[in-house]
Amino acid sequence: RYSAFALVLLEVLWCSFPFVMVTVYAGIRAIPTEVLEAASLDGASQWRIWRTIMAPMLKPILIVVTIQSIIWDFKVFTQIYVMTNGGGIAGQNLVLNVYAYQKAFASSQYSLGSAIGVVMLVILLAVTLVYLRLVRRQGEEL
């Protein structure tokens, strides 16, 4: 059971890694070199520079990347459905979207599949509202 999820997890990480890496790299490059140089001249170690300068400056970017990754992870239907042959043996590898698909179309329980879809919508709306609140807190225009 967990080996199938591990394979899907590795595939999802492999697909999302470029976005996360480029975004974090852009955040690191946006940190003024004067600030890093001043900390270095003041005798700060690399760990202290990371902990007191870089991490706080990267925090907004890391929050946005994390929330976007959570939203994107809800779209992982094809990977699970294909890699586990429709949810695995006895449906052991189900996530909400695969479960909704199986209930709605494989079992012809359309109302249950729709209800699961509505639950997914509510969860994603909550995550999106958190994301929008964090973006507004940073002062960005929408």
N, C-alpha and C. Protein backbone atom coordinates (compact mmCIF):
# COMPACT_ATOMS: atom_id res chain seq x y z
N ARG A 1 0.82 -1.19 0.00
CA ARG A 1 0.00 0.00 0.00
C ARG A 1 0.87 1.26 0.00
N TYR A 2 1.83 1.31 0.90
CA TYR A 2 2.64 2.52 1.03
C TYR A 2 3.68 2.63 -0.08
N SER A 3 4.04 1.51 -0.68
CA SER A 3 5.01 1.59 -1.76
C SER A 3 4.42 2.28 -2.98
N ALA A 4 3.13 2.06 -3.25
CA ALA A 4 2.48 2.75 -4.36
C ALA A 4 2.40 4.25 -4.09
N PHE A 5 2.05 4.61 -2.87
CA PHE A 5 2.01 6.03 -2.52
C PHE A 5 3.40 6.65 -2.57
N ALA A 6 4.41 5.88 -2.19
CA ALA A 6 5.79 6.39 -2.25
C ALA A 6 6.18 6.68 -3.69
N LEU A 7 5.81 5.80 -4.60
CA LEU A 7 6.12 6.04 -6.02
C LEU A 7 5.38 7.25 -6.55
N VAL A 8 4.11 7.38 -6.19
CA VAL A 8 3.35 8.56 -6.63
C VAL A 8 3.94 9.82 -6.02
N LEU A 9 4.33 9.76 -4.75
CA LEU A 9 4.95 10.90 -4.09
C LEU A 9 6.23 11.32 -4.80
N LEU A 10 7.07 10.35 -5.13
CA LEU A 10 8.30 10.67 -5.85
C LEU A 10 8.01 11.30 -7.21
N GLU A 11 7.00 10.82 -7.90
CA GLU A 11 6.65 11.38 -9.21
C GLU A 11 6.13 12.80 -9.07
N VAL A 12 5.29 13.05 -8.07
CA VAL A 12 4.76 14.39 -7.85
C VAL A 12 5.87 15.35 -7.46
N LEU A 13 6.77 14.91 -6.58
CA LEU A 13 7.92 15.75 -6.21
C LEU A 13 8.79 16.05 -7.42
N TRP A 14 9.00 15.05 -8.24
CA TRP A 14 9.82 15.23 -9.44
C TRP A 14 9.19 16.26 -10.37
N CYS A 15 7.87 16.25 -10.48
CA CYS A 15 7.19 17.20 -11.37
C CYS A 15 7.13 18.61 -10.78
N SER A 16 7.02 18.71 -9.45
CA SER A 16 6.87 20.04 -8.84
C SER A 16 8.21 20.68 -8.47
N PHE A 17 9.27 19.90 -8.46
CA PHE A 17 10.58 20.41 -8.05
C PHE A 17 11.04 21.62 -8.87
N PRO A 18 10.90 21.62 -10.20
CA PRO A 18 11.38 22.79 -10.95
C PRO A 18 10.71 24.10 -10.53
N PHE A 19 9.39 24.09 -10.33
CA PHE A 19 8.70 25.30 -9.92
C PHE A 19 9.20 25.79 -8.57
N VAL A 20 9.28 24.88 -7.62
CA VAL A 20 9.72 25.25 -6.27
C VAL A 20 11.16 25.75 -6.30
N MET A 21 12.01 25.05 -7.02
CA MET A 21 13.43 25.41 -7.05
C MET A 21 13.64 26.78 -7.70
N VAL A 22 12.99 27.02 -8.82
CA VAL A 22 13.16 28.30 -9.51
C VAL A 22 12.61 29.44 -8.65
N THR A 23 11.49 29.21 -7.99
CA THR A 23 10.90 30.25 -7.15
C THR A 23 11.79 30.58 -5.96
N VAL A 24 12.29 29.56 -5.29
CA VAL A 24 13.17 29.79 -4.14
C VAL A 24 14.49 30.41 -4.60
N TYR A 25 15.00 29.97 -5.73
CA TYR A 25 16.24 30.55 -6.26
C TYR A 25 16.05 32.04 -6.57
N ALA A 26 14.90 32.38 -7.15
CA ALA A 26 14.62 33.80 -7.42
C ALA A 26 14.54 34.59 -6.13
N GLY A 27 13.96 34.00 -5.09
CA GLY A 27 13.91 34.67 -3.80
C GLY A 27 15.29 34.88 -3.20
N ILE A 28 16.15 33.89 -3.33
CA ILE A 28 17.52 34.01 -2.82
C ILE A 28 18.28 35.08 -3.59
N ARG A 29 18.10 35.12 -4.90
CA ARG A 29 18.79 36.12 -5.72
C ARG A 29 18.27 37.53 -5.45
N ALA A 30 17.04 37.64 -4.93
CA ALA A 30 16.47 38.97 -4.66
C ALA A 30 16.97 39.56 -3.34
N ILE A 31 17.61 38.75 -2.52
CA ILE A 31 18.17 39.27 -1.27
C ILE A 31 19.37 40.15 -1.60
N PRO A 32 19.37 41.38 -1.13
CA PRO A 32 20.48 42.29 -1.46
C PRO A 32 21.82 41.74 -0.98
N THR A 33 22.79 41.76 -1.88
CA THR A 33 24.12 41.24 -1.52
C THR A 33 24.78 42.10 -0.45
N GLU A 34 24.40 43.38 -0.39
CA GLU A 34 24.98 44.26 0.62
C GLU A 34 24.62 43.78 2.03
N VAL A 35 23.40 43.30 2.18
CA VAL A 35 22.96 42.81 3.50
C VAL A 35 23.76 41.57 3.89
N LEU A 36 23.92 40.66 2.95
CA LEU A 36 24.68 39.44 3.23
C LEU A 36 26.15 39.75 3.49
N GLU A 37 26.68 40.69 2.73
CA GLU A 37 28.08 41.07 2.91
C GLU A 37 28.30 41.77 4.25
N ALA A 38 27.35 42.62 4.63
CA ALA A 38 27.47 43.31 5.92
C ALA A 38 27.42 42.31 7.08
N ALA A 39 26.55 41.33 6.97
CA ALA A 39 26.48 40.31 8.02
C ALA A 39 27.76 39.50 8.08
N SER A 40 28.31 39.20 6.92
CA SER A 40 29.56 38.45 6.87
C SER A 40 30.71 39.25 7.47
N LEU A 41 30.75 40.55 7.16
CA LEU A 41 31.80 41.41 7.72
C LEU A 41 31.65 41.59 9.23
N ASP A 42 30.42 41.51 9.72
CA ASP A 42 30.18 41.62 11.16
C ASP A 42 30.53 40.34 11.89
N GLY A 43 30.94 39.31 11.15
CA GLY A 43 31.38 38.08 11.78
C GLY A 43 30.30 37.02 11.93
N ALA A 44 29.19 37.17 11.24
CA ALA A 44 28.12 36.17 11.34
C ALA A 44 28.52 34.91 10.57
N SER A 45 28.21 33.77 11.15
CA SER A 45 28.49 32.50 10.47
C SER A 45 27.44 32.27 9.38
N GLN A 46 27.71 31.30 8.53
CA GLN A 46 26.76 31.00 7.45
C GLN A 46 25.41 30.58 8.04
N TRP A 47 25.44 29.82 9.11
CA TRP A 47 24.20 29.39 9.75
C TRP A 47 23.42 30.60 10.29
N ARG A 48 24.13 31.53 10.92
CA ARG A 48 23.47 32.72 11.46
C ARG A 48 22.92 33.60 10.35
N ILE A 49 23.65 33.73 9.25
CA ILE A 49 23.16 34.51 8.10
C ILE A 49 21.88 33.87 7.58
N TRP A 50 21.88 32.53 7.48
CA TRP A 50 20.68 31.85 6.99
C TRP A 50 19.50 32.06 7.96
N ARG A 51 19.76 31.89 9.25
CA ARG A 51 18.69 31.92 10.24
C ARG A 51 18.12 33.32 10.46
N THR A 52 18.97 34.34 10.44
CA THR A 52 18.50 35.68 10.79
C THR A 52 18.24 36.59 9.60
N ILE A 53 18.78 36.26 8.44
CA ILE A 53 18.59 37.13 7.27
C ILE A 53 17.82 36.43 6.16
N MET A 54 18.38 35.32 5.70
CA MET A 54 17.80 34.68 4.51
C MET A 54 16.45 34.03 4.79
N ALA A 55 16.34 33.27 5.87
CA ALA A 55 15.08 32.58 6.16
C ALA A 55 13.91 33.55 6.35
N PRO A 56 14.08 34.64 7.13
CA PRO A 56 12.96 35.58 7.25
C PRO A 56 12.60 36.26 5.92
N MET A 57 13.61 36.52 5.08
CA MET A 57 13.31 37.15 3.79
C MET A 57 12.66 36.17 2.82
N LEU A 58 12.92 34.89 2.98
CA LEU A 58 12.33 33.87 2.10
C LEU A 58 10.99 33.35 2.62
N LYS A 59 10.63 33.70 3.84
CA LYS A 59 9.40 33.16 4.44
C LYS A 59 8.16 33.41 3.58
N PRO A 60 7.92 34.63 3.07
CA PRO A 60 6.73 34.82 2.24
C PRO A 60 6.73 33.94 0.98
N ILE A 61 7.88 33.79 0.38
CA ILE A 61 7.98 32.96 -0.83
C ILE A 61 7.71 31.50 -0.48
N LEU A 62 8.27 31.04 0.62
CA LEU A 62 8.07 29.65 1.02
C LEU A 62 6.61 29.38 1.37
N ILE A 63 5.93 30.35 1.98
CA ILE A 63 4.51 30.18 2.29
C ILE A 63 3.70 30.07 1.01
N VAL A 64 3.95 30.95 0.06
CA VAL A 64 3.22 30.92 -1.21
C VAL A 64 3.49 29.62 -1.95
N VAL A 65 4.74 29.20 -2.02
CA VAL A 65 5.08 27.96 -2.72
C VAL A 65 4.42 26.76 -2.04
N THR A 66 4.41 26.75 -0.72
CA THR A 66 3.79 25.63 -0.01
C THR A 66 2.29 25.56 -0.27
N ILE A 67 1.61 26.69 -0.21
CA ILE A 67 0.17 26.68 -0.43
C ILE A 67 -0.16 26.34 -1.87
N GLN A 68 0.60 26.87 -2.83
CA GLN A 68 0.36 26.50 -4.22
C GLN A 68 0.62 25.02 -4.45
N SER A 69 1.61 24.47 -3.79
CA SER A 69 1.88 23.04 -3.93
C SER A 69 0.74 22.21 -3.36
N ILE A 70 0.17 22.65 -2.24
CA ILE A 70 -0.97 21.93 -1.67
C ILE A 70 -2.14 21.95 -2.64
N ILE A 71 -2.41 23.11 -3.23
CA ILE A 71 -3.51 23.20 -4.20
C ILE A 71 -3.23 22.32 -5.40
N TRP A 72 -2.02 22.33 -5.90
CA TRP A 72 -1.68 21.51 -7.06
C TRP A 72 -1.73 20.03 -6.74
N ASP A 73 -1.43 19.66 -5.50
CA ASP A 73 -1.46 18.24 -5.13
C ASP A 73 -2.87 17.67 -5.15
N PHE A 74 -3.88 18.52 -5.08
CA PHE A 74 -5.24 18.02 -5.22
C PHE A 74 -5.56 17.61 -6.65
N LYS A 75 -4.73 18.02 -7.58
CA LYS A 75 -4.95 17.67 -8.99
C LYS A 75 -4.28 16.35 -9.37
N VAL A 76 -3.73 15.65 -8.39
CA VAL A 76 -3.01 14.41 -8.67
C VAL A 76 -4.04 13.29 -8.83
N PHE A 77 -4.66 13.24 -9.98
CA PHE A 77 -5.59 12.16 -10.28
C PHE A 77 -4.96 11.16 -11.24
N THR A 78 -4.45 11.68 -12.32
CA THR A 78 -3.91 10.82 -13.38
C THR A 78 -2.78 9.94 -12.86
N GLN A 79 -1.88 10.53 -12.10
CA GLN A 79 -0.74 9.77 -11.60
C GLN A 79 -1.21 8.59 -10.74
N ILE A 80 -2.11 8.84 -9.81
CA ILE A 80 -2.57 7.77 -8.93
C ILE A 80 -3.40 6.76 -9.71
N TYR A 81 -4.27 7.23 -10.57
CA TYR A 81 -5.15 6.32 -11.30
C TYR A 81 -4.35 5.41 -12.22
N VAL A 82 -3.36 5.96 -12.89
CA VAL A 82 -2.57 5.16 -13.83
C VAL A 82 -1.57 4.27 -13.08
N MET A 83 -0.86 4.82 -12.10
CA MET A 83 0.20 4.06 -11.43
C MET A 83 -0.33 2.98 -10.50
N THR A 84 -1.57 3.12 -10.03
CA THR A 84 -2.13 2.11 -9.12
C THR A 84 -3.28 1.35 -9.76
N ASN A 85 -3.45 1.49 -11.07
CA ASN A 85 -4.50 0.77 -11.80
C ASN A 85 -5.88 1.07 -11.22
N GLY A 86 -6.19 2.34 -11.11
CA GLY A 86 -7.51 2.75 -10.68
C GLY A 86 -7.71 2.81 -9.19
N GLY A 87 -6.67 2.90 -8.42
CA GLY A 87 -6.79 3.00 -6.97
C GLY A 87 -6.18 1.84 -6.24
N GLY A 88 -5.63 0.90 -6.96
CA GLY A 88 -4.95 -0.22 -6.32
C GLY A 88 -5.89 -1.35 -5.97
N ILE A 89 -5.33 -2.38 -5.40
CA ILE A 89 -6.11 -3.56 -5.02
C ILE A 89 -7.04 -3.19 -3.88
N ALA A 90 -8.32 -3.44 -4.06
CA ALA A 90 -9.36 -3.16 -3.06
C ALA A 90 -9.38 -1.69 -2.66
N GLY A 91 -8.98 -0.80 -3.56
CA GLY A 91 -9.04 0.63 -3.30
C GLY A 91 -8.14 1.10 -2.17
N GLN A 92 -7.00 0.47 -2.00
CA GLN A 92 -6.11 0.82 -0.89
C GLN A 92 -5.38 2.14 -1.11
N ASN A 93 -5.31 2.61 -2.32
CA ASN A 93 -4.52 3.81 -2.62
C ASN A 93 -5.42 4.96 -3.07
N LEU A 94 -6.52 5.13 -2.40
CA LEU A 94 -7.47 6.16 -2.81
C LEU A 94 -7.14 7.50 -2.16
N VAL A 95 -7.29 8.53 -2.94
CA VAL A 95 -7.32 9.89 -2.45
C VAL A 95 -8.68 10.44 -2.85
N LEU A 96 -9.01 11.65 -2.42
CA LEU A 96 -10.37 12.13 -2.62
C LEU A 96 -10.82 12.14 -4.08
N ASN A 97 -9.97 12.63 -4.98
CA ASN A 97 -10.43 12.73 -6.36
C ASN A 97 -10.58 11.36 -7.02
N VAL A 98 -9.72 10.41 -6.72
CA VAL A 98 -9.86 9.05 -7.27
C VAL A 98 -11.08 8.38 -6.65
N TYR A 99 -11.29 8.59 -5.36
CA TYR A 99 -12.45 8.02 -4.68
C TYR A 99 -13.75 8.58 -5.26
N ALA A 100 -13.78 9.88 -5.51
CA ALA A 100 -14.97 10.49 -6.11
C ALA A 100 -15.23 9.92 -7.50
N TYR A 101 -14.19 9.75 -8.28
CA TYR A 101 -14.33 9.17 -9.62
C TYR A 101 -14.87 7.74 -9.54
N GLN A 102 -14.31 6.94 -8.64
CA GLN A 102 -14.77 5.56 -8.52
C GLN A 102 -16.22 5.48 -8.07
N LYS A 103 -16.61 6.31 -7.12
CA LYS A 103 -17.99 6.28 -6.65
C LYS A 103 -18.95 6.79 -7.71
N ALA A 104 -18.57 7.84 -8.41
CA ALA A 104 -19.49 8.44 -9.38
C ALA A 104 -19.61 7.60 -10.65
N PHE A 105 -18.50 7.12 -11.17
CA PHE A 105 -18.54 6.50 -12.49
C PHE A 105 -18.39 4.98 -12.47
N ALA A 106 -17.60 4.44 -11.55
CA ALA A 106 -17.44 2.99 -11.51
C ALA A 106 -18.60 2.33 -10.76
N SER A 107 -19.11 2.99 -9.72
CA SER A 107 -20.20 2.42 -8.93
C SER A 107 -21.55 3.03 -9.25
N SER A 108 -21.58 4.01 -10.12
CA SER A 108 -22.82 4.73 -10.50
C SER A 108 -23.51 5.37 -9.30
N GLN A 109 -22.74 5.77 -8.32
CA GLN A 109 -23.28 6.51 -7.19
C GLN A 109 -22.94 7.99 -7.41
N TYR A 110 -23.69 8.59 -8.31
CA TYR A 110 -23.37 9.95 -8.74
C TYR A 110 -23.51 10.96 -7.60
N SER A 111 -24.49 10.77 -6.73
CA SER A 111 -24.67 11.73 -5.65
C SER A 111 -23.50 11.69 -4.66
N LEU A 112 -23.00 10.50 -4.36
CA LEU A 112 -21.85 10.40 -3.45
C LEU A 112 -20.60 10.99 -4.10
N GLY A 113 -20.40 10.71 -5.38
CA GLY A 113 -19.26 11.30 -6.09
C GLY A 113 -19.34 12.82 -6.11
N SER A 114 -20.54 13.35 -6.31
CA SER A 114 -20.72 14.80 -6.30
C SER A 114 -20.47 15.39 -4.91
N ALA A 115 -20.92 14.69 -3.87
CA ALA A 115 -20.70 15.17 -2.51
C ALA A 115 -19.21 15.21 -2.18
N ILE A 116 -18.48 14.21 -2.62
CA ILE A 116 -17.03 14.20 -2.40
C ILE A 116 -16.39 15.36 -3.14
N GLY A 117 -16.87 15.64 -4.35
CA GLY A 117 -16.37 16.78 -5.11
C GLY A 117 -16.62 18.10 -4.40
N VAL A 118 -17.79 18.23 -3.77
CA VAL A 118 -18.10 19.45 -3.03
C VAL A 118 -17.18 19.58 -1.81
N VAL A 119 -16.90 18.48 -1.13
CA VAL A 119 -15.97 18.52 0.01
C VAL A 119 -14.58 18.97 -0.46
N MET A 120 -14.14 18.45 -1.61
CA MET A 120 -12.85 18.88 -2.16
C MET A 120 -12.87 20.37 -2.48
N LEU A 121 -13.99 20.85 -3.02
CA LEU A 121 -14.13 22.27 -3.33
C LEU A 121 -14.00 23.12 -2.08
N VAL A 122 -14.66 22.71 -1.00
CA VAL A 122 -14.60 23.47 0.25
C VAL A 122 -13.17 23.49 0.80
N ILE A 123 -12.50 22.35 0.75
CA ILE A 123 -11.11 22.30 1.23
C ILE A 123 -10.22 23.22 0.40
N LEU A 124 -10.36 23.17 -0.91
CA LEU A 124 -9.53 24.02 -1.77
C LEU A 124 -9.88 25.50 -1.61
N LEU A 125 -11.15 25.82 -1.40
CA LEU A 125 -11.52 27.21 -1.14
C LEU A 125 -10.88 27.71 0.15
N ALA A 126 -10.85 26.88 1.18
CA ALA A 126 -10.22 27.28 2.44
C ALA A 126 -8.73 27.53 2.24
N VAL A 127 -8.07 26.64 1.53
CA VAL A 127 -6.63 26.81 1.27
C VAL A 127 -6.40 28.06 0.42
N THR A 128 -7.26 28.30 -0.56
CA THR A 128 -7.13 29.48 -1.42
C THR A 128 -7.35 30.76 -0.62
N LEU A 129 -8.30 30.76 0.29
CA LEU A 129 -8.52 31.94 1.12
C LEU A 129 -7.32 32.23 2.01
N VAL A 130 -6.70 31.20 2.55
CA VAL A 130 -5.48 31.38 3.33
C VAL A 130 -4.39 31.98 2.45
N TYR A 131 -4.27 31.46 1.24
CA TYR A 131 -3.28 31.97 0.28
C TYR A 131 -3.53 33.44 -0.02
N LEU A 132 -4.77 33.80 -0.32
CA LEU A 132 -5.08 35.20 -0.64
C LEU A 132 -4.83 36.12 0.55
N ARG A 133 -5.13 35.65 1.74
CA ARG A 133 -4.88 36.46 2.94
C ARG A 133 -3.38 36.70 3.11
N LEU A 134 -2.58 35.67 2.88
CA LEU A 134 -1.13 35.83 3.00
C LEU A 134 -0.57 36.75 1.93
N VAL A 135 -1.10 36.67 0.72
CA VAL A 135 -0.64 37.54 -0.35
C VAL A 135 -0.99 38.99 -0.03
N ARG A 136 -2.19 39.23 0.47
CA ARG A 136 -2.58 40.59 0.83
C ARG A 136 -1.74 41.12 1.99
N ARG A 137 -1.40 40.25 2.91
CA ARG A 137 -0.58 40.65 4.06
C ARG A 137 0.79 41.11 3.60
N GLN A 138 1.27 40.53 2.50
CA GLN A 138 2.57 40.92 1.95
C GLN A 138 2.49 42.22 1.18
N GLY A 139 1.28 42.70 0.91
CA GLY A 139 1.10 43.96 0.22
C GLY A 139 1.09 43.85 -1.29
N GLU A 140 0.91 42.65 -1.82
CA GLU A 140 0.88 42.49 -3.27
C GLU A 140 -0.51 42.81 -3.80
N GLU A 141 -0.55 43.30 -5.02
CA GLU A 141 -1.82 43.55 -5.69
C GLU A 141 -2.36 42.26 -6.27
N LEU A 142 -3.68 42.11 -6.23
CA LEU A 142 -4.29 40.91 -6.82
C LEU A 142 -4.80 41.20 -8.21
